[in-house]
Every structure is written in C-alpha cells, then in structure tokens.
Amino acid sequence: MSRKVVLDLCAGTGAWSEPWLEAGYNVRRIDLPTDVRLLEFPGTAHGILAAPPCTMFCRMRMCRGRPTDEQFREALSVVDACLRLVAVCKPDWWALENPVGYLKAWLGEPTLKFSPHHYGDPWTKATWLWGSFKPPKLRIVDPTMGPWIHRKKGKRGAARSDHENAITAPGFAQAFFEANAELRAVEEQSNG
C-alpha cells in the first residue's frame, strides 16, 4: 500500500487516527505545541480528521457560563484553520468533529449525528460530524455509561471524566476508518 497521508488536526491523544496509523498510512498528527492556525501547507492528503477543541462550543460549557466574544473568536479561528487546510489539501474525504453544541451556528447542520454506543462503545456522548465522508456502519450496543442512560428510570449512567469524553471512542474510530480508508479507490473502481 502506498503511504497515503492522513492529517489528524487537533489530534489530542491521536485515538481517531490510530486505525490509519496501524494500517500503514502516513499519519501526521498536529497538536500543541504546534498551532494548527500556523501550519504551513502540508501538501495533498488522502484524508483529514479534525477535532478542534470543543470548550467554547459545547452545550455543557454553557452551564458554567457563556464564553466571552473573544473566547468564541479564538475558538472559531481554530475551526477556520482546519477548514482552510481542507480547502488547500483537497483530501478524498474529511471530517470535523465536535460534541453537540453551538458550532452548528457557524457550520450548519452536521453531516452525521451519533453517540459512541452506535459504534460498539458502551457509553453515550452526543457528537456531530461535518464533512465529506462515507458514514460508518452501525454496531449498536446498549450503553452502560453516560448522562442519558437511565433518564426514563430517574437514574443517571456511570460518569466518564472530561478527559475520557474528549478521547475519540475506539469503536467509532475503527468504524470510520473501515468506511473511508480506501474511499477514492473504491469510487474510481465503481465508476471505471
């Protein structure tokens, strides 16, 4: 297999791009201290995964008080940088992830709405994806953790830490990889 480039922007732990790395792709994880807003043109890419920090967009954040206009502008500048890289790198597919929140006001309706339990991970976290990609195949399991599990029974599911919730669920990462790894090659074969 050729070493196709996959950019993982705002990579954090790198969990979302791990299946690509394991499959031999040339994964370039961009995260602090490298600022995605200052990244030089990295060349063309097979795909782009982007998970800009959700702190200023997440609805849960609003329970602690609305961010200032300056904080919103700062957060949007990171989203803008990710989208500019999509425009200049011209990937075969791309996806930008954020939990349910106010990013929809700038990006419009998400392409995909999901929770980790839709892809085999036993917890809930309402998540949105924008982009151009093939949706992963569902592998629904009963969730055992998350705030919405036992709402009907008046109970809350087991809590996950903010750090755990920030990490891309491994079942979703694998399902997204399986759906999009060779997207261009498959499309070219079916059109050929």
N, C-alpha and C. Protein backbone atom coordinates (compact mmCIF):
# COMPACT_ATOMS: atom_id res chain seq x y z
N MET A 1 0.84 -1.19 0.00
CA MET A 1 0.00 0.00 0.00
C MET A 1 0.88 1.25 0.00
N SER A 2 0.51 2.22 -0.78
CA SER A 2 1.25 3.47 -0.76
C SER A 2 1.02 4.15 0.58
N ARG A 3 1.94 4.99 0.96
CA ARG A 3 1.85 5.68 2.25
C ARG A 3 1.03 6.94 2.09
N LYS A 4 -0.29 6.78 1.96
CA LYS A 4 -1.17 7.92 1.80
C LYS A 4 -1.17 8.75 3.08
N VAL A 5 -1.24 10.06 2.92
CA VAL A 5 -1.19 10.98 4.05
C VAL A 5 -2.58 11.19 4.63
N VAL A 6 -2.68 11.06 5.94
CA VAL A 6 -3.88 11.41 6.69
C VAL A 6 -3.45 12.44 7.73
N LEU A 7 -4.06 13.62 7.66
CA LEU A 7 -3.78 14.66 8.65
C LEU A 7 -4.76 14.52 9.80
N ASP A 8 -4.26 14.52 11.01
CA ASP A 8 -5.08 14.48 12.22
C ASP A 8 -4.88 15.82 12.92
N LEU A 9 -5.80 16.75 12.67
CA LEU A 9 -5.68 18.11 13.18
C LEU A 9 -6.32 18.22 14.57
N CYS A 10 -5.63 18.91 15.46
CA CYS A 10 -6.05 18.99 16.86
C CYS A 10 -6.16 17.56 17.40
N ALA A 11 -5.08 16.82 17.22
CA ALA A 11 -5.07 15.37 17.39
C ALA A 11 -5.27 14.88 18.82
N GLY A 12 -4.92 15.68 19.80
CA GLY A 12 -5.05 15.21 21.18
C GLY A 12 -4.28 13.92 21.38
N THR A 13 -4.96 12.87 21.81
CA THR A 13 -4.31 11.57 22.06
C THR A 13 -4.00 10.82 20.77
N GLY A 14 -4.58 11.23 19.66
CA GLY A 14 -4.38 10.53 18.39
C GLY A 14 -5.28 9.32 18.22
N ALA A 15 -6.26 9.17 19.10
CA ALA A 15 -7.13 7.98 19.06
C ALA A 15 -7.90 7.85 17.75
N TRP A 16 -8.35 8.98 17.17
CA TRP A 16 -9.13 8.92 15.94
C TRP A 16 -8.29 8.42 14.77
N SER A 17 -7.02 8.79 14.74
CA SER A 17 -6.16 8.40 13.61
C SER A 17 -5.42 7.09 13.86
N GLU A 18 -5.57 6.50 15.02
CA GLU A 18 -4.83 5.27 15.34
C GLU A 18 -5.08 4.14 14.34
N PRO A 19 -6.33 3.86 13.92
CA PRO A 19 -6.53 2.80 12.93
C PRO A 19 -5.79 3.06 11.62
N TRP A 20 -5.68 4.32 11.22
CA TRP A 20 -4.97 4.68 9.99
C TRP A 20 -3.48 4.39 10.15
N LEU A 21 -2.93 4.77 11.31
CA LEU A 21 -1.53 4.53 11.59
C LEU A 21 -1.23 3.03 11.60
N GLU A 22 -2.08 2.26 12.26
CA GLU A 22 -1.89 0.81 12.34
C GLU A 22 -1.96 0.15 10.96
N ALA A 23 -2.71 0.75 10.04
CA ALA A 23 -2.85 0.19 8.68
C ALA A 23 -1.72 0.64 7.75
N GLY A 24 -0.79 1.45 8.25
CA GLY A 24 0.36 1.85 7.44
C GLY A 24 0.25 3.18 6.73
N TYR A 25 -0.80 3.94 7.00
CA TYR A 25 -0.91 5.27 6.41
C TYR A 25 0.13 6.20 7.02
N ASN A 26 0.47 7.24 6.30
CA ASN A 26 1.39 8.25 6.79
C ASN A 26 0.55 9.27 7.57
N VAL A 27 0.38 9.02 8.86
CA VAL A 27 -0.46 9.87 9.70
C VAL A 27 0.40 11.01 10.26
N ARG A 28 -0.07 12.22 10.06
CA ARG A 28 0.61 13.41 10.60
C ARG A 28 -0.32 14.03 11.63
N ARG A 29 0.05 13.84 12.88
CA ARG A 29 -0.76 14.36 14.00
C ARG A 29 -0.28 15.77 14.34
N ILE A 30 -1.21 16.70 14.25
CA ILE A 30 -0.91 18.10 14.53
C ILE A 30 -1.63 18.48 15.81
N ASP A 31 -0.89 18.81 16.84
CA ASP A 31 -1.47 19.21 18.11
C ASP A 31 -0.45 20.09 18.83
N LEU A 32 -0.87 20.66 19.94
CA LEU A 32 0.03 21.52 20.70
C LEU A 32 1.33 20.78 21.00
N PRO A 33 2.47 21.43 20.93
CA PRO A 33 2.63 22.87 20.86
C PRO A 33 2.50 23.45 19.44
N THR A 34 2.34 22.61 18.41
CA THR A 34 2.14 23.13 17.06
C THR A 34 0.71 23.68 16.96
N ASP A 35 0.60 24.91 16.54
CA ASP A 35 -0.70 25.56 16.41
C ASP A 35 -1.21 25.35 14.98
N VAL A 36 -2.33 24.65 14.83
CA VAL A 36 -2.88 24.35 13.50
C VAL A 36 -3.10 25.63 12.69
N ARG A 37 -3.31 26.75 13.37
CA ARG A 37 -3.53 28.02 12.68
C ARG A 37 -2.26 28.54 12.01
N LEU A 38 -1.10 28.03 12.43
CA LEU A 38 0.18 28.48 11.88
C LEU A 38 0.85 27.42 11.01
N LEU A 39 0.16 26.34 10.74
CA LEU A 39 0.71 25.23 9.97
C LEU A 39 0.94 25.65 8.52
N GLU A 40 2.15 25.36 8.03
CA GLU A 40 2.43 25.62 6.62
C GLU A 40 1.76 24.56 5.78
N PHE A 41 1.52 24.86 4.52
CA PHE A 41 0.85 23.93 3.62
C PHE A 41 1.54 22.58 3.66
N PRO A 42 0.84 21.52 4.11
CA PRO A 42 1.47 20.21 4.24
C PRO A 42 1.42 19.37 2.97
N GLY A 43 0.84 19.89 1.90
CA GLY A 43 0.70 19.12 0.66
C GLY A 43 -0.66 18.46 0.59
N THR A 44 -0.85 17.65 -0.43
CA THR A 44 -2.15 16.99 -0.57
C THR A 44 -2.29 15.90 0.49
N ALA A 45 -3.53 15.51 0.73
CA ALA A 45 -3.80 14.50 1.75
C ALA A 45 -4.89 13.56 1.27
N HIS A 46 -4.78 12.31 1.64
CA HIS A 46 -5.84 11.33 1.37
C HIS A 46 -7.07 11.70 2.20
N GLY A 47 -6.85 12.08 3.45
CA GLY A 47 -7.96 12.42 4.32
C GLY A 47 -7.54 13.37 5.42
N ILE A 48 -8.54 14.05 5.99
CA ILE A 48 -8.29 14.95 7.11
C ILE A 48 -9.30 14.67 8.20
N LEU A 49 -8.77 14.42 9.39
CA LEU A 49 -9.57 14.29 10.61
C LEU A 49 -9.32 15.57 11.41
N ALA A 50 -10.37 16.24 11.84
CA ALA A 50 -10.20 17.47 12.62
C ALA A 50 -11.11 17.42 13.83
N ALA A 51 -10.53 17.66 14.99
CA ALA A 51 -11.30 17.67 16.24
C ALA A 51 -10.93 18.91 17.04
N PRO A 52 -11.32 20.09 16.54
CA PRO A 52 -10.96 21.31 17.26
C PRO A 52 -11.54 21.30 18.68
N PRO A 53 -10.85 21.93 19.61
CA PRO A 53 -11.33 21.94 21.00
C PRO A 53 -12.78 22.41 21.09
N CYS A 54 -13.54 21.70 21.90
CA CYS A 54 -14.98 21.97 22.00
C CYS A 54 -15.33 22.89 23.14
N THR A 55 -14.37 23.30 23.93
CA THR A 55 -14.63 24.03 25.16
C THR A 55 -15.57 25.21 24.98
N MET A 56 -15.44 25.95 23.91
CA MET A 56 -16.26 27.14 23.74
C MET A 56 -17.58 26.87 23.00
N PHE A 57 -17.74 25.68 22.43
CA PHE A 57 -18.94 25.37 21.65
C PHE A 57 -19.89 24.40 22.35
N CYS A 58 -19.39 23.60 23.25
CA CYS A 58 -20.16 22.54 23.88
C CYS A 58 -21.27 23.11 24.76
N ARG A 59 -22.46 22.52 24.64
CA ARG A 59 -23.59 22.96 25.46
C ARG A 59 -23.31 22.79 26.96
N MET A 60 -22.56 21.75 27.31
CA MET A 60 -22.23 21.54 28.72
C MET A 60 -21.43 22.72 29.27
N ARG A 61 -20.62 23.34 28.45
CA ARG A 61 -19.82 24.50 28.86
C ARG A 61 -20.72 25.65 29.26
N MET A 62 -21.84 25.77 28.58
CA MET A 62 -22.74 26.89 28.83
C MET A 62 -23.36 26.83 30.23
N CYS A 63 -23.38 25.66 30.83
CA CYS A 63 -23.88 25.53 32.21
C CYS A 63 -22.96 26.28 33.17
N ARG A 64 -21.70 26.46 32.78
CA ARG A 64 -20.73 27.15 33.64
C ARG A 64 -20.58 28.62 33.26
N GLY A 65 -21.38 29.09 32.32
CA GLY A 65 -21.31 30.48 31.89
C GLY A 65 -20.88 30.60 30.45
N ARG A 66 -21.46 31.57 29.77
CA ARG A 66 -21.18 31.79 28.36
C ARG A 66 -19.78 32.34 28.18
N PRO A 67 -19.05 31.81 27.18
CA PRO A 67 -17.72 32.36 26.88
C PRO A 67 -17.83 33.81 26.40
N THR A 68 -16.76 34.53 26.53
CA THR A 68 -16.72 35.90 26.03
C THR A 68 -16.66 35.87 24.50
N ASP A 69 -16.96 36.99 23.88
CA ASP A 69 -16.84 37.08 22.42
C ASP A 69 -15.42 36.77 21.96
N GLU A 70 -14.43 37.23 22.72
CA GLU A 70 -13.03 36.98 22.38
C GLU A 70 -12.73 35.47 22.44
N GLN A 71 -13.26 34.78 23.43
CA GLN A 71 -13.05 33.34 23.52
C GLN A 71 -13.71 32.61 22.34
N PHE A 72 -14.90 33.05 21.94
CA PHE A 72 -15.56 32.46 20.76
C PHE A 72 -14.73 32.68 19.51
N ARG A 73 -14.24 33.91 19.31
CA ARG A 73 -13.42 34.21 18.12
C ARG A 73 -12.16 33.36 18.09
N GLU A 74 -11.52 33.21 19.23
CA GLU A 74 -10.31 32.38 19.33
C GLU A 74 -10.61 30.94 18.93
N ALA A 75 -11.71 30.40 19.47
CA ALA A 75 -12.09 29.01 19.15
C ALA A 75 -12.46 28.87 17.67
N LEU A 76 -13.17 29.85 17.13
CA LEU A 76 -13.54 29.79 15.71
C LEU A 76 -12.33 29.89 14.80
N SER A 77 -11.28 30.56 15.25
CA SER A 77 -10.09 30.66 14.42
C SER A 77 -9.43 29.29 14.24
N VAL A 78 -9.56 28.41 15.22
CA VAL A 78 -9.02 27.05 15.09
C VAL A 78 -9.88 26.25 14.10
N VAL A 79 -11.20 26.37 14.21
CA VAL A 79 -12.10 25.71 13.26
C VAL A 79 -11.81 26.20 11.85
N ASP A 80 -11.66 27.51 11.70
CA ASP A 80 -11.36 28.11 10.40
C ASP A 80 -10.06 27.55 9.82
N ALA A 81 -9.04 27.41 10.65
CA ALA A 81 -7.76 26.87 10.19
C ALA A 81 -7.92 25.44 9.68
N CYS A 82 -8.71 24.64 10.39
CA CYS A 82 -8.96 23.26 9.95
C CYS A 82 -9.66 23.25 8.59
N LEU A 83 -10.65 24.09 8.42
CA LEU A 83 -11.39 24.14 7.16
C LEU A 83 -10.54 24.69 6.01
N ARG A 84 -9.64 25.62 6.31
CA ARG A 84 -8.73 26.12 5.28
C ARG A 84 -7.80 25.01 4.80
N LEU A 85 -7.34 24.16 5.73
CA LEU A 85 -6.49 23.04 5.32
C LEU A 85 -7.26 22.06 4.44
N VAL A 86 -8.54 21.87 4.72
CA VAL A 86 -9.37 21.03 3.84
C VAL A 86 -9.38 21.64 2.44
N ALA A 87 -9.57 22.95 2.38
CA ALA A 87 -9.65 23.63 1.07
C ALA A 87 -8.34 23.53 0.29
N VAL A 88 -7.21 23.66 0.93
CA VAL A 88 -5.95 23.67 0.19
C VAL A 88 -5.35 22.28 -0.02
N CYS A 89 -5.65 21.32 0.87
CA CYS A 89 -5.08 19.97 0.73
C CYS A 89 -5.91 19.07 -0.18
N LYS A 90 -7.17 19.47 -0.42
CA LYS A 90 -8.05 18.73 -1.33
C LYS A 90 -8.09 17.21 -1.04
N PRO A 91 -8.46 16.84 0.18
CA PRO A 91 -8.48 15.41 0.52
C PRO A 91 -9.61 14.66 -0.18
N ASP A 92 -9.45 13.34 -0.27
CA ASP A 92 -10.51 12.49 -0.82
C ASP A 92 -11.73 12.52 0.10
N TRP A 93 -11.50 12.67 1.39
CA TRP A 93 -12.57 12.76 2.38
C TRP A 93 -12.05 13.61 3.54
N TRP A 94 -12.98 14.17 4.31
CA TRP A 94 -12.60 14.92 5.51
C TRP A 94 -13.76 14.91 6.49
N ALA A 95 -13.43 15.09 7.77
CA ALA A 95 -14.45 15.15 8.81
C ALA A 95 -13.98 16.06 9.93
N LEU A 96 -14.89 16.88 10.43
CA LEU A 96 -14.63 17.76 11.57
C LEU A 96 -15.62 17.37 12.65
N GLU A 97 -15.10 17.03 13.84
CA GLU A 97 -15.90 16.50 14.94
C GLU A 97 -16.01 17.52 16.06
N ASN A 98 -17.17 17.55 16.71
CA ASN A 98 -17.40 18.33 17.91
C ASN A 98 -18.65 17.79 18.58
N PRO A 99 -18.72 17.86 19.90
CA PRO A 99 -19.95 17.41 20.56
C PRO A 99 -21.11 18.37 20.25
N VAL A 100 -22.30 17.92 20.54
CA VAL A 100 -23.49 18.75 20.34
C VAL A 100 -23.24 20.12 20.98
N GLY A 101 -23.50 21.16 20.22
CA GLY A 101 -23.27 22.49 20.77
C GLY A 101 -23.51 23.58 19.75
N TYR A 102 -22.80 24.66 19.95
CA TYR A 102 -23.06 25.88 19.20
C TYR A 102 -22.26 26.02 17.92
N LEU A 103 -21.41 25.06 17.59
CA LEU A 103 -20.67 25.12 16.33
C LEU A 103 -21.62 25.04 15.14
N LYS A 104 -22.77 24.45 15.35
CA LYS A 104 -23.79 24.35 14.31
C LYS A 104 -24.20 25.74 13.79
N ALA A 105 -24.13 26.75 14.64
CA ALA A 105 -24.49 28.12 14.23
C ALA A 105 -23.56 28.63 13.13
N TRP A 106 -22.33 28.11 13.05
CA TRP A 106 -21.37 28.55 12.04
C TRP A 106 -21.24 27.57 10.88
N LEU A 107 -21.40 26.29 11.15
CA LEU A 107 -21.18 25.28 10.11
C LEU A 107 -22.46 24.70 9.53
N GLY A 108 -23.60 25.04 10.10
CA GLY A 108 -24.85 24.49 9.61
C GLY A 108 -25.12 23.11 10.18
N GLU A 109 -26.07 22.44 9.58
CA GLU A 109 -26.48 21.12 10.04
C GLU A 109 -25.34 20.11 9.87
N PRO A 110 -25.05 19.30 10.89
CA PRO A 110 -23.99 18.30 10.75
C PRO A 110 -24.32 17.24 9.70
N THR A 111 -23.29 16.65 9.14
CA THR A 111 -23.44 15.57 8.17
C THR A 111 -23.87 14.28 8.87
N LEU A 112 -23.38 14.08 10.10
CA LEU A 112 -23.66 12.86 10.86
C LEU A 112 -23.81 13.22 12.34
N LYS A 113 -24.85 12.67 12.97
CA LYS A 113 -25.06 12.81 14.41
C LYS A 113 -24.98 11.40 14.99
N PHE A 114 -24.17 11.22 16.05
CA PHE A 114 -24.02 9.89 16.61
C PHE A 114 -23.61 9.95 18.07
N SER A 115 -23.57 8.79 18.68
CA SER A 115 -23.08 8.59 20.03
C SER A 115 -22.18 7.36 19.99
N PRO A 116 -21.15 7.26 20.84
CA PRO A 116 -20.24 6.12 20.77
C PRO A 116 -20.92 4.75 20.81
N HIS A 117 -22.06 4.64 21.50
CA HIS A 117 -22.71 3.33 21.57
C HIS A 117 -23.28 2.89 20.22
N HIS A 118 -23.36 3.79 19.26
CA HIS A 118 -23.79 3.42 17.90
C HIS A 118 -22.71 2.62 17.17
N TYR A 119 -21.46 2.67 17.69
CA TYR A 119 -20.34 2.01 17.04
C TYR A 119 -19.58 1.06 17.97
N GLY A 120 -20.29 0.51 18.96
CA GLY A 120 -19.72 -0.54 19.78
C GLY A 120 -19.10 -0.12 21.10
N ASP A 121 -19.05 1.16 21.39
CA ASP A 121 -18.50 1.62 22.66
C ASP A 121 -19.67 1.87 23.63
N PRO A 122 -19.62 1.33 24.85
CA PRO A 122 -20.81 1.31 25.71
C PRO A 122 -21.09 2.60 26.49
N TRP A 123 -20.99 3.74 25.83
CA TRP A 123 -21.34 4.97 26.51
C TRP A 123 -21.98 5.95 25.53
N THR A 124 -22.57 6.97 26.11
CA THR A 124 -23.22 7.99 25.30
C THR A 124 -22.41 9.28 25.34
N LYS A 125 -22.41 9.97 24.26
CA LYS A 125 -21.84 11.31 24.13
C LYS A 125 -22.35 11.84 22.80
N ALA A 126 -23.34 12.67 22.83
CA ALA A 126 -23.93 13.20 21.60
C ALA A 126 -22.85 13.97 20.83
N THR A 127 -22.55 13.49 19.62
CA THR A 127 -21.43 14.00 18.83
C THR A 127 -21.91 14.31 17.42
N TRP A 128 -21.33 15.35 16.84
CA TRP A 128 -21.65 15.74 15.48
C TRP A 128 -20.40 15.71 14.62
N LEU A 129 -20.59 15.37 13.34
CA LEU A 129 -19.52 15.42 12.34
C LEU A 129 -19.99 16.23 11.15
N TRP A 130 -19.13 17.10 10.66
CA TRP A 130 -19.35 17.81 9.40
C TRP A 130 -18.30 17.29 8.43
N GLY A 131 -18.58 17.32 7.16
CA GLY A 131 -17.56 16.96 6.20
C GLY A 131 -18.07 16.24 4.98
N SER A 132 -17.13 15.62 4.29
CA SER A 132 -17.40 14.84 3.10
C SER A 132 -16.74 13.48 3.32
N PHE A 133 -17.55 12.50 3.66
CA PHE A 133 -17.04 11.18 4.02
C PHE A 133 -18.16 10.16 3.87
N LYS A 134 -17.78 8.89 3.89
CA LYS A 134 -18.76 7.82 3.87
C LYS A 134 -19.12 7.49 5.32
N PRO A 135 -20.42 7.50 5.66
CA PRO A 135 -20.80 7.21 7.05
C PRO A 135 -20.41 5.79 7.44
N PRO A 136 -19.89 5.63 8.66
CA PRO A 136 -19.51 4.29 9.11
C PRO A 136 -20.74 3.41 9.34
N LYS A 137 -20.51 2.08 9.27
CA LYS A 137 -21.58 1.12 9.54
C LYS A 137 -21.86 1.07 11.04
N LEU A 138 -23.14 1.05 11.37
CA LEU A 138 -23.55 1.00 12.77
C LEU A 138 -23.22 -0.36 13.40
N ARG A 139 -22.85 -0.32 14.67
CA ARG A 139 -22.62 -1.51 15.51
C ARG A 139 -23.20 -1.20 16.88
N ILE A 140 -24.49 -1.03 16.95
CA ILE A 140 -25.15 -0.54 18.16
C ILE A 140 -25.05 -1.54 19.30
N VAL A 141 -24.66 -1.01 20.47
CA VAL A 141 -24.65 -1.77 21.72
C VAL A 141 -25.44 -0.98 22.76
N ASP A 142 -25.89 -1.67 23.79
CA ASP A 142 -26.56 -0.98 24.89
C ASP A 142 -25.53 -0.20 25.69
N PRO A 143 -25.74 1.10 25.86
CA PRO A 143 -24.78 1.89 26.63
C PRO A 143 -24.92 1.60 28.13
N THR A 144 -23.80 1.63 28.82
CA THR A 144 -23.79 1.44 30.27
C THR A 144 -23.29 2.68 30.99
N MET A 145 -22.75 3.65 30.24
CA MET A 145 -22.23 4.88 30.84
C MET A 145 -22.74 6.08 30.06
N GLY A 146 -22.91 7.19 30.78
CA GLY A 146 -23.31 8.43 30.14
C GLY A 146 -24.51 9.03 30.82
N PRO A 147 -24.72 10.31 30.67
CA PRO A 147 -25.76 11.01 31.41
C PRO A 147 -27.19 10.70 30.98
N TRP A 148 -27.39 10.08 29.81
CA TRP A 148 -28.75 9.88 29.32
C TRP A 148 -29.23 8.44 29.42
N ILE A 149 -28.45 7.56 30.04
CA ILE A 149 -28.74 6.14 30.03
C ILE A 149 -30.08 5.80 30.68
N HIS A 150 -30.25 6.22 31.91
CA HIS A 150 -31.41 5.79 32.68
C HIS A 150 -32.39 6.93 32.96
N ARG A 151 -32.46 7.88 32.05
CA ARG A 151 -33.31 9.05 32.26
C ARG A 151 -34.76 8.63 32.53
N LYS A 152 -35.26 7.64 31.80
CA LYS A 152 -36.64 7.21 31.98
C LYS A 152 -36.88 6.61 33.36
N LYS A 153 -35.86 6.01 33.94
CA LYS A 153 -35.99 5.39 35.25
C LYS A 153 -35.57 6.34 36.37
N GLY A 154 -35.21 7.56 36.02
CA GLY A 154 -34.81 8.53 37.03
C GLY A 154 -33.39 8.33 37.53
N LYS A 155 -32.58 7.55 36.82
CA LYS A 155 -31.19 7.31 37.21
C LYS A 155 -30.27 7.84 36.13
N ARG A 156 -29.07 8.16 36.54
CA ARG A 156 -28.06 8.58 35.57
C ARG A 156 -27.07 7.46 35.37
N GLY A 157 -26.51 7.38 34.20
CA GLY A 157 -25.50 6.37 33.92
C GLY A 157 -24.20 6.70 34.63
N ALA A 158 -23.30 5.76 34.65
CA ALA A 158 -21.99 5.97 35.26
C ALA A 158 -21.29 7.14 34.58
N ALA A 159 -20.57 7.91 35.35
CA ALA A 159 -19.92 9.10 34.82
C ALA A 159 -18.58 8.75 34.17
N ARG A 160 -18.26 9.48 33.11
CA ARG A 160 -16.94 9.42 32.49
C ARG A 160 -16.30 10.78 32.72
N SER A 161 -15.00 10.79 32.91
CA SER A 161 -14.31 12.05 33.16
C SER A 161 -14.30 12.90 31.88
N ASP A 162 -14.06 14.20 32.05
CA ASP A 162 -13.95 15.09 30.89
C ASP A 162 -12.83 14.61 29.97
N HIS A 163 -11.72 14.15 30.56
CA HIS A 163 -10.60 13.66 29.76
C HIS A 163 -11.01 12.43 28.95
N GLU A 164 -11.71 11.49 29.58
CA GLU A 164 -12.17 10.29 28.87
C GLU A 164 -13.13 10.66 27.75
N ASN A 165 -14.03 11.61 28.00
CA ASN A 165 -15.01 12.02 26.99
C ASN A 165 -14.36 12.74 25.81
N ALA A 166 -13.20 13.35 26.04
CA ALA A 166 -12.52 14.08 24.96
C ALA A 166 -11.82 13.14 23.99
N ILE A 167 -11.58 11.92 24.38
CA ILE A 167 -10.87 10.95 23.53
C ILE A 167 -11.87 10.30 22.57
N THR A 168 -11.51 10.25 21.29
CA THR A 168 -12.38 9.60 20.31
C THR A 168 -12.58 8.14 20.69
N ALA A 169 -13.83 7.71 20.70
CA ALA A 169 -14.17 6.33 21.06
C ALA A 169 -13.52 5.37 20.06
N PRO A 170 -12.86 4.31 20.54
CA PRO A 170 -12.15 3.40 19.63
C PRO A 170 -13.06 2.69 18.63
N GLY A 171 -14.28 2.32 19.03
CA GLY A 171 -15.20 1.67 18.10
C GLY A 171 -15.58 2.59 16.95
N PHE A 172 -15.84 3.86 17.27
CA PHE A 172 -16.15 4.83 16.22
C PHE A 172 -14.93 5.04 15.31
N ALA A 173 -13.73 5.20 15.91
CA ALA A 173 -12.52 5.41 15.11
C ALA A 173 -12.32 4.27 14.12
N GLN A 174 -12.51 3.03 14.57
CA GLN A 174 -12.33 1.88 13.70
C GLN A 174 -13.40 1.83 12.61
N ALA A 175 -14.65 2.09 12.98
CA ALA A 175 -15.75 2.07 12.00
C ALA A 175 -15.56 3.16 10.95
N PHE A 176 -15.11 4.35 11.37
CA PHE A 176 -14.88 5.44 10.42
C PHE A 176 -13.73 5.07 9.47
N PHE A 177 -12.68 4.47 10.02
CA PHE A 177 -11.56 4.01 9.20
C PHE A 177 -12.04 3.01 8.15
N GLU A 178 -12.78 2.00 8.58
CA GLU A 178 -13.25 0.96 7.66
C GLU A 178 -14.10 1.53 6.54
N ALA A 179 -14.88 2.56 6.83
CA ALA A 179 -15.75 3.15 5.82
C ALA A 179 -14.98 4.04 4.83
N ASN A 180 -13.88 4.64 5.26
CA ASN A 180 -13.25 5.69 4.45
C ASN A 180 -11.81 5.43 4.04
N ALA A 181 -11.20 4.35 4.47
CA ALA A 181 -9.78 4.11 4.21
C ALA A 181 -9.43 4.17 2.72
N GLU A 182 -10.19 3.49 1.93
CA GLU A 182 -9.88 3.44 0.50
C GLU A 182 -11.01 4.07 -0.31
N LEU A 183 -11.62 5.08 0.23
CA LEU A 183 -12.79 5.69 -0.39
C LEU A 183 -12.57 6.05 -1.85
N ARG A 184 -11.51 6.75 -2.18
CA ARG A 184 -11.27 7.19 -3.56
C ARG A 184 -11.06 6.00 -4.49
N ALA A 185 -10.28 5.02 -4.02
CA ALA A 185 -10.01 3.84 -4.86
C ALA A 185 -11.30 3.08 -5.17
N VAL A 186 -12.16 2.93 -4.20
CA VAL A 186 -13.44 2.23 -4.40
C VAL A 186 -14.32 3.00 -5.37
N GLU A 187 -14.40 4.32 -5.18
CA GLU A 187 -15.23 5.15 -6.07
C GLU A 187 -14.70 5.09 -7.51
N GLU A 188 -13.38 5.12 -7.66
CA GLU A 188 -12.80 5.10 -9.01
C GLU A 188 -13.06 3.76 -9.68
N GLN A 189 -13.01 2.64 -8.94
CA GLN A 189 -13.28 1.33 -9.50
C GLN A 189 -14.73 1.21 -9.94
N SER A 190 -15.66 1.72 -9.11
CA SER A 190 -17.08 1.59 -9.45
C SER A 190 -17.47 2.50 -10.61
N ASN A 191 -16.73 3.58 -10.82
CA ASN A 191 -17.02 4.50 -11.93
C ASN A 191 -16.24 4.13 -13.19
N GLY A 192 -15.25 3.24 -13.04
CA GLY A 192 -14.36 2.92 -14.16
C GLY A 192 -14.94 1.98 -15.09
